[in-house]
N, C-alpha and C. Protein backbone atom coordinates (compact mmCIF):
# COMPACT_ATOMS: atom_id res chain seq x y z
N GLY A 1 49.21 115.62 -115.81
CA GLY A 1 48.60 114.76 -114.84
C GLY A 1 48.49 115.45 -113.50
N TYR A 2 47.68 114.91 -112.63
CA TYR A 2 47.42 115.51 -111.33
C TYR A 2 47.15 114.41 -110.30
N LEU A 3 47.77 114.55 -109.13
CA LEU A 3 47.55 113.62 -108.03
C LEU A 3 47.62 114.41 -106.74
N SER A 4 46.61 114.26 -105.88
CA SER A 4 46.68 114.95 -104.59
C SER A 4 45.95 114.17 -103.52
N ASN A 5 46.35 114.44 -102.28
CA ASN A 5 45.77 113.84 -101.08
C ASN A 5 45.60 112.33 -101.26
N SER A 6 46.67 111.70 -101.73
CA SER A 6 46.62 110.27 -102.06
C SER A 6 47.84 109.55 -101.48
N VAL A 7 47.67 108.23 -101.29
CA VAL A 7 48.76 107.36 -100.89
C VAL A 7 48.92 106.30 -101.97
N VAL A 8 50.11 106.23 -102.56
CA VAL A 8 50.42 105.22 -103.57
C VAL A 8 51.57 104.40 -103.01
N GLU A 9 51.29 103.14 -102.69
CA GLU A 9 52.32 102.30 -102.08
C GLU A 9 53.36 101.85 -103.10
N GLY A 10 53.01 101.82 -104.34
CA GLY A 10 53.93 101.42 -105.40
C GLY A 10 54.52 102.63 -106.08
N SER A 11 54.67 102.50 -107.38
CA SER A 11 55.30 103.54 -108.19
C SER A 11 54.25 104.33 -108.96
N VAL A 12 54.45 105.63 -109.06
CA VAL A 12 53.63 106.48 -109.90
C VAL A 12 54.37 106.66 -111.22
N ASP A 13 53.71 106.35 -112.32
CA ASP A 13 54.30 106.50 -113.64
C ASP A 13 53.71 107.74 -114.29
N GLY A 14 54.53 108.75 -114.46
CA GLY A 14 54.07 110.00 -115.05
C GLY A 14 53.75 109.91 -116.52
N GLY A 15 54.06 108.78 -117.13
CA GLY A 15 53.77 108.61 -118.55
C GLY A 15 54.54 109.60 -119.40
N GLU A 16 54.01 109.88 -120.54
CA GLU A 16 54.68 110.83 -121.45
C GLU A 16 53.92 112.15 -121.50
N GLN A 17 53.31 112.51 -120.37
CA GLN A 17 52.57 113.77 -120.33
C GLN A 17 53.54 114.95 -120.33
N GLN A 18 53.05 116.08 -120.75
CA GLN A 18 53.90 117.25 -120.79
C GLN A 18 54.08 117.85 -119.39
N GLN A 19 53.02 117.90 -118.58
CA GLN A 19 53.11 118.44 -117.24
C GLN A 19 52.54 117.44 -116.23
N TRP A 20 53.06 117.52 -115.00
CA TRP A 20 52.53 116.69 -113.92
C TRP A 20 52.64 117.49 -112.62
N PHE A 21 51.54 117.46 -111.82
CA PHE A 21 51.52 118.17 -110.54
C PHE A 21 51.05 117.21 -109.46
N THR A 22 51.82 117.08 -108.39
CA THR A 22 51.45 116.25 -107.24
C THR A 22 51.51 117.10 -105.99
N ARG A 23 50.42 117.04 -105.17
CA ARG A 23 50.36 117.81 -103.93
C ARG A 23 49.84 116.92 -102.81
N SER A 24 50.40 117.10 -101.62
CA SER A 24 49.93 116.43 -100.40
C SER A 24 49.72 114.93 -100.64
N ALA A 25 50.79 114.25 -100.95
CA ALA A 25 50.69 112.83 -101.27
C ALA A 25 51.85 112.06 -100.66
N GLU A 26 51.68 110.75 -100.61
CA GLU A 26 52.74 109.83 -100.22
C GLU A 26 52.87 108.83 -101.36
N VAL A 27 54.08 108.69 -101.87
CA VAL A 27 54.30 107.77 -102.99
C VAL A 27 55.48 106.86 -102.69
N GLY A 28 55.41 105.65 -103.25
CA GLY A 28 56.53 104.73 -103.11
C GLY A 28 57.71 105.20 -103.92
N SER A 29 57.48 105.51 -105.18
CA SER A 29 58.52 106.04 -106.05
C SER A 29 57.87 106.71 -107.25
N TRP A 30 58.69 107.41 -108.01
CA TRP A 30 58.22 108.16 -109.17
C TRP A 30 58.99 107.69 -110.39
N GLN A 31 58.28 107.36 -111.45
CA GLN A 31 58.91 106.99 -112.72
C GLN A 31 58.90 108.22 -113.61
N VAL A 32 60.06 108.66 -114.00
CA VAL A 32 60.20 109.86 -114.82
C VAL A 32 59.39 109.71 -116.10
N GLY A 33 58.73 110.74 -116.49
CA GLY A 33 57.95 110.69 -117.71
C GLY A 33 57.57 112.07 -118.19
N ALA A 34 57.02 112.88 -117.31
CA ALA A 34 56.55 114.20 -117.71
C ALA A 34 57.74 115.14 -117.96
N TRP A 35 57.53 116.10 -118.84
CA TRP A 35 58.59 117.06 -119.15
C TRP A 35 58.70 118.13 -118.09
N SER A 36 57.62 118.44 -117.44
CA SER A 36 57.61 119.49 -116.43
C SER A 36 56.82 118.96 -115.22
N THR A 37 57.49 118.80 -114.09
CA THR A 37 56.83 118.22 -112.91
C THR A 37 56.97 119.15 -111.72
N VAL A 38 55.92 119.14 -110.88
CA VAL A 38 55.92 119.90 -109.64
C VAL A 38 55.45 118.98 -108.53
N PHE A 39 56.22 118.91 -107.44
CA PHE A 39 55.89 118.12 -106.26
C PHE A 39 55.83 119.05 -105.07
N VAL A 40 54.66 119.16 -104.44
CA VAL A 40 54.49 120.04 -103.28
C VAL A 40 53.96 119.20 -102.13
N GLY A 41 54.73 119.11 -101.03
CA GLY A 41 54.29 118.35 -99.87
C GLY A 41 54.18 116.86 -100.13
N VAL A 42 55.12 116.30 -100.89
CA VAL A 42 55.08 114.88 -101.24
C VAL A 42 56.10 114.12 -100.39
N ASP A 43 55.62 113.10 -99.67
CA ASP A 43 56.48 112.23 -98.89
C ASP A 43 56.82 111.00 -99.73
N VAL A 44 58.08 110.62 -99.74
CA VAL A 44 58.54 109.46 -100.50
C VAL A 44 58.72 108.30 -99.52
N GLN A 45 58.02 107.18 -99.76
CA GLN A 45 58.06 106.04 -98.86
C GLN A 45 59.29 105.18 -99.08
N GLU A 46 59.78 105.08 -100.28
CA GLU A 46 60.92 104.23 -100.63
C GLU A 46 61.99 105.06 -101.31
N GLN A 47 63.08 104.44 -101.59
CA GLN A 47 64.15 105.02 -102.38
C GLN A 47 64.50 106.45 -101.95
N PRO A 48 65.15 106.59 -100.77
CA PRO A 48 65.49 107.94 -100.31
C PRO A 48 66.37 108.71 -101.29
N GLU A 49 67.04 107.99 -102.19
CA GLU A 49 67.90 108.66 -103.17
C GLU A 49 67.12 109.15 -104.39
N GLN A 50 65.81 108.94 -104.42
CA GLN A 50 64.99 109.31 -105.58
C GLN A 50 65.06 110.81 -105.81
N CYS A 51 65.95 111.24 -106.69
CA CYS A 51 66.21 112.67 -106.86
C CYS A 51 65.03 113.41 -107.48
N ASP A 52 64.24 112.76 -108.33
CA ASP A 52 63.13 113.47 -108.97
C ASP A 52 62.12 114.00 -107.96
N LEU A 53 62.03 113.38 -106.80
CA LEU A 53 61.07 113.83 -105.79
C LEU A 53 61.75 114.64 -104.69
N ARG A 54 63.02 114.86 -104.79
CA ARG A 54 63.74 115.53 -103.71
C ARG A 54 64.53 116.76 -104.14
N THR A 55 64.70 116.96 -105.44
CA THR A 55 65.59 118.02 -105.91
C THR A 55 64.95 118.81 -107.03
N THR A 56 65.01 120.12 -106.91
CA THR A 56 64.57 120.99 -108.00
C THR A 56 65.65 120.98 -109.06
N THR A 57 65.27 120.73 -110.31
CA THR A 57 66.26 120.62 -111.39
C THR A 57 66.07 121.68 -112.47
N CYS A 58 65.28 122.68 -112.25
CA CYS A 58 65.06 123.70 -113.29
C CYS A 58 66.38 124.39 -113.63
N GLY A 59 66.70 124.39 -114.90
CA GLY A 59 67.89 125.08 -115.36
C GLY A 59 69.19 124.34 -115.15
N ILE A 60 69.13 123.10 -114.66
CA ILE A 60 70.34 122.32 -114.45
C ILE A 60 70.54 121.45 -115.68
N SER A 61 71.54 121.75 -116.49
CA SER A 61 71.70 121.10 -117.79
C SER A 61 71.91 119.59 -117.75
N PRO A 62 72.57 118.97 -116.76
CA PRO A 62 72.73 117.51 -116.82
C PRO A 62 71.40 116.75 -116.79
N HIS A 63 70.33 117.41 -116.38
CA HIS A 63 69.03 116.75 -116.31
C HIS A 63 68.26 116.87 -117.62
N GLY A 64 68.88 117.48 -118.63
CA GLY A 64 68.23 117.57 -119.93
C GLY A 64 67.09 118.58 -119.92
N PRO A 65 66.15 118.43 -120.87
CA PRO A 65 65.08 119.41 -121.01
C PRO A 65 64.00 119.30 -119.93
N LYS A 66 64.00 118.23 -119.15
CA LYS A 66 62.94 118.06 -118.14
C LYS A 66 63.19 118.99 -116.96
N GLN A 67 62.12 119.58 -116.47
CA GLN A 67 62.22 120.54 -115.38
C GLN A 67 61.38 120.03 -114.20
N THR A 68 61.96 120.06 -113.01
CA THR A 68 61.26 119.59 -111.81
C THR A 68 61.36 120.66 -110.72
N VAL A 69 60.22 120.94 -110.08
CA VAL A 69 60.20 121.83 -108.92
C VAL A 69 59.73 121.02 -107.73
N VAL A 70 60.48 121.06 -106.64
CA VAL A 70 60.14 120.33 -105.42
C VAL A 70 60.00 121.33 -104.28
N ILE A 71 58.85 121.32 -103.63
CA ILE A 71 58.60 122.15 -102.44
C ILE A 71 58.21 121.19 -101.33
N ASP A 72 58.98 121.17 -100.24
CA ASP A 72 58.80 120.17 -99.19
C ASP A 72 57.44 120.21 -98.50
N GLU A 73 56.90 121.41 -98.29
CA GLU A 73 55.62 121.54 -97.57
C GLU A 73 54.64 122.40 -98.34
N VAL A 74 53.37 122.08 -98.16
CA VAL A 74 52.30 122.91 -98.72
C VAL A 74 52.05 124.04 -97.72
N PRO A 75 52.20 125.30 -98.11
CA PRO A 75 52.03 126.39 -97.15
C PRO A 75 50.65 126.42 -96.50
N ILE A 76 49.60 126.25 -97.32
CA ILE A 76 48.23 126.24 -96.80
C ILE A 76 47.35 125.45 -97.78
N VAL A 77 46.49 124.59 -97.24
CA VAL A 77 45.60 123.81 -98.11
C VAL A 77 44.32 123.48 -97.35
N ALA A 78 43.21 123.50 -98.06
CA ALA A 78 41.92 123.06 -97.53
C ALA A 78 41.34 122.08 -98.54
N GLU A 79 41.28 120.80 -98.18
CA GLU A 79 40.73 119.80 -99.10
C GLU A 79 39.24 120.03 -99.29
N LYS A 80 38.70 119.48 -100.35
CA LYS A 80 37.27 119.63 -100.66
C LYS A 80 36.41 118.87 -99.65
N PRO A 81 35.23 119.39 -99.35
CA PRO A 81 34.28 118.63 -98.53
C PRO A 81 33.90 117.34 -99.25
N PHE A 82 33.53 116.31 -98.47
CA PHE A 82 33.13 115.03 -99.08
C PHE A 82 32.02 114.41 -98.24
N VAL A 83 31.28 113.50 -98.87
CA VAL A 83 30.14 112.83 -98.24
C VAL A 83 30.59 111.46 -97.73
N SER A 84 30.07 111.09 -96.54
CA SER A 84 30.35 109.76 -96.00
C SER A 84 29.09 109.21 -95.33
N VAL A 85 29.10 107.92 -95.06
CA VAL A 85 28.00 107.29 -94.35
C VAL A 85 28.16 107.61 -92.86
N ASP A 86 27.05 107.93 -92.20
CA ASP A 86 27.07 108.23 -90.77
C ASP A 86 27.49 106.99 -89.99
N ALA A 87 28.53 107.10 -89.17
CA ALA A 87 29.05 105.96 -88.41
C ALA A 87 28.02 105.42 -87.41
N ALA A 88 27.13 106.28 -86.92
CA ALA A 88 26.14 105.86 -85.94
C ALA A 88 24.90 105.24 -86.57
N ASP A 89 24.63 105.57 -87.84
CA ASP A 89 23.43 105.07 -88.50
C ASP A 89 23.71 104.95 -90.00
N SER A 90 23.91 103.74 -90.49
CA SER A 90 24.32 103.53 -91.88
C SER A 90 23.25 103.92 -92.91
N SER A 91 22.07 104.30 -92.45
CA SER A 91 21.05 104.76 -93.39
C SER A 91 21.11 106.28 -93.59
N LYS A 92 22.05 106.93 -92.91
CA LYS A 92 22.19 108.39 -93.01
C LYS A 92 23.57 108.76 -93.54
N PHE A 93 23.66 109.99 -94.02
CA PHE A 93 24.90 110.50 -94.58
C PHE A 93 25.37 111.73 -93.83
N CYS A 94 26.67 112.03 -93.96
CA CYS A 94 27.26 113.22 -93.36
C CYS A 94 28.07 113.97 -94.42
N LEU A 95 28.15 115.27 -94.26
CA LEU A 95 29.03 116.10 -95.06
C LEU A 95 30.26 116.37 -94.20
N ASN A 96 31.43 115.99 -94.67
CA ASN A 96 32.67 116.19 -93.92
C ASN A 96 33.42 117.37 -94.52
N VAL A 97 33.82 118.30 -93.66
CA VAL A 97 34.54 119.49 -94.09
C VAL A 97 35.93 119.46 -93.45
N PRO A 98 36.95 119.04 -94.21
CA PRO A 98 38.30 118.99 -93.65
C PRO A 98 38.78 120.37 -93.22
N GLY A 99 39.61 120.39 -92.19
CA GLY A 99 40.16 121.65 -91.70
C GLY A 99 41.30 122.13 -92.59
N VAL A 100 41.68 123.36 -92.39
CA VAL A 100 42.81 123.95 -93.11
C VAL A 100 44.10 123.40 -92.51
N ARG A 101 45.02 123.01 -93.38
CA ARG A 101 46.34 122.52 -92.93
C ARG A 101 47.40 123.55 -93.32
N LEU A 102 48.33 123.78 -92.42
CA LEU A 102 49.41 124.72 -92.67
C LEU A 102 50.75 123.99 -92.67
N ASN A 103 51.63 124.36 -93.60
CA ASN A 103 52.99 123.81 -93.66
C ASN A 103 52.97 122.30 -93.51
N SER A 104 52.26 121.62 -94.39
CA SER A 104 52.04 120.18 -94.27
C SER A 104 52.62 119.42 -95.45
N SER A 105 52.75 118.10 -95.24
CA SER A 105 53.13 117.21 -96.33
C SER A 105 52.41 115.89 -96.12
N GLY A 106 52.30 115.11 -97.18
CA GLY A 106 51.62 113.83 -97.11
C GLY A 106 50.12 113.97 -97.15
N ALA A 107 49.46 112.83 -97.30
CA ALA A 107 47.99 112.80 -97.39
C ALA A 107 47.37 113.00 -96.02
N ASP A 108 46.15 113.50 -95.99
CA ASP A 108 45.39 113.66 -94.75
C ASP A 108 43.94 113.30 -95.05
N TRP A 109 43.50 112.18 -94.51
CA TRP A 109 42.15 111.71 -94.77
C TRP A 109 41.24 111.90 -93.55
N SER A 110 41.60 112.81 -92.66
CA SER A 110 40.74 113.04 -91.49
C SER A 110 39.43 113.68 -91.94
N ALA A 111 38.37 113.36 -91.20
CA ALA A 111 37.03 113.81 -91.58
C ALA A 111 36.81 115.30 -91.38
N GLY A 112 37.54 115.91 -90.46
CA GLY A 112 37.29 117.31 -90.16
C GLY A 112 35.98 117.45 -89.42
N ILE A 113 35.24 118.47 -89.74
CA ILE A 113 33.92 118.69 -89.12
C ILE A 113 32.91 117.82 -89.86
N SER A 114 32.13 117.04 -89.13
CA SER A 114 31.13 116.17 -89.73
C SER A 114 29.74 116.76 -89.48
N ILE A 115 29.01 117.03 -90.56
CA ILE A 115 27.69 117.66 -90.47
C ILE A 115 26.64 116.68 -90.97
N SER A 116 25.65 116.39 -90.16
CA SER A 116 24.57 115.49 -90.56
C SER A 116 23.85 116.05 -91.78
N PHE A 117 23.46 115.18 -92.70
CA PHE A 117 22.74 115.62 -93.89
C PHE A 117 21.38 116.22 -93.53
N GLU A 118 20.89 115.97 -92.33
CA GLU A 118 19.65 116.61 -91.89
C GLU A 118 19.83 118.12 -91.77
N GLN A 119 21.10 118.57 -91.69
CA GLN A 119 21.40 120.00 -91.58
C GLN A 119 21.96 120.57 -92.88
N VAL A 120 21.99 119.76 -93.94
CA VAL A 120 22.55 120.19 -95.21
C VAL A 120 21.42 120.32 -96.23
N TYR A 121 21.40 121.45 -96.93
CA TYR A 121 20.41 121.63 -97.98
C TYR A 121 20.98 121.11 -99.29
N VAL A 122 20.30 120.19 -99.92
CA VAL A 122 20.69 119.67 -101.23
C VAL A 122 19.78 120.33 -102.26
N THR A 123 20.37 121.06 -103.17
CA THR A 123 19.59 121.81 -104.14
C THR A 123 19.05 120.91 -105.26
N TRP A 124 18.00 121.33 -105.87
CA TRP A 124 17.35 120.62 -106.97
C TRP A 124 17.20 121.54 -108.15
N PRO A 125 17.13 120.98 -109.37
CA PRO A 125 16.91 121.85 -110.54
C PRO A 125 15.67 122.70 -110.32
N GLY A 126 15.77 123.95 -110.66
CA GLY A 126 14.64 124.86 -110.49
C GLY A 126 14.70 125.65 -109.20
N ASP A 127 15.56 125.27 -108.23
CA ASP A 127 15.69 126.03 -107.00
C ASP A 127 16.22 127.42 -107.33
N THR A 128 15.68 128.43 -106.69
CA THR A 128 16.14 129.79 -106.92
C THR A 128 17.24 130.14 -105.92
N ALA A 129 18.00 131.18 -106.23
CA ALA A 129 19.06 131.64 -105.32
C ALA A 129 18.49 132.01 -103.96
N SER A 130 17.33 132.64 -103.92
CA SER A 130 16.76 133.02 -102.63
C SER A 130 16.35 131.79 -101.81
N LEU A 131 15.90 130.73 -102.46
CA LEU A 131 15.57 129.49 -101.74
C LEU A 131 16.82 128.82 -101.18
N ILE A 132 17.87 128.79 -101.99
CA ILE A 132 19.12 128.16 -101.57
C ILE A 132 19.76 128.94 -100.41
N ASN A 133 19.75 130.25 -100.50
CA ASN A 133 20.39 131.07 -99.47
C ASN A 133 19.47 131.31 -98.30
């Protein structure tokens, strides 16, 4: 499973998946399920004693065969660009390019640089590389 740049106010249930990776998120709690889990830059909203989100357990026999790696901060991350409605004119769209974050944790939904779609080329089937570039 995979979860990133998200806020979950309740519990995340890892199910019975073999692997689970969570990055740059805020979660209420984590329900053990996956055999191998990685948490990078995850803030826990509830249950400060929740060891699965706070302690690396690789190779620690009392935790059984399940392995967990916890890294408090994401060293560097750049979220994907996304499209939004222009706040000044709801009939127009913008391309938002989030900035690079260093040594961060938790979700970040800031727009970053907002570029009007009038300045964005949207490609169509049949467009050549020279036309796009």
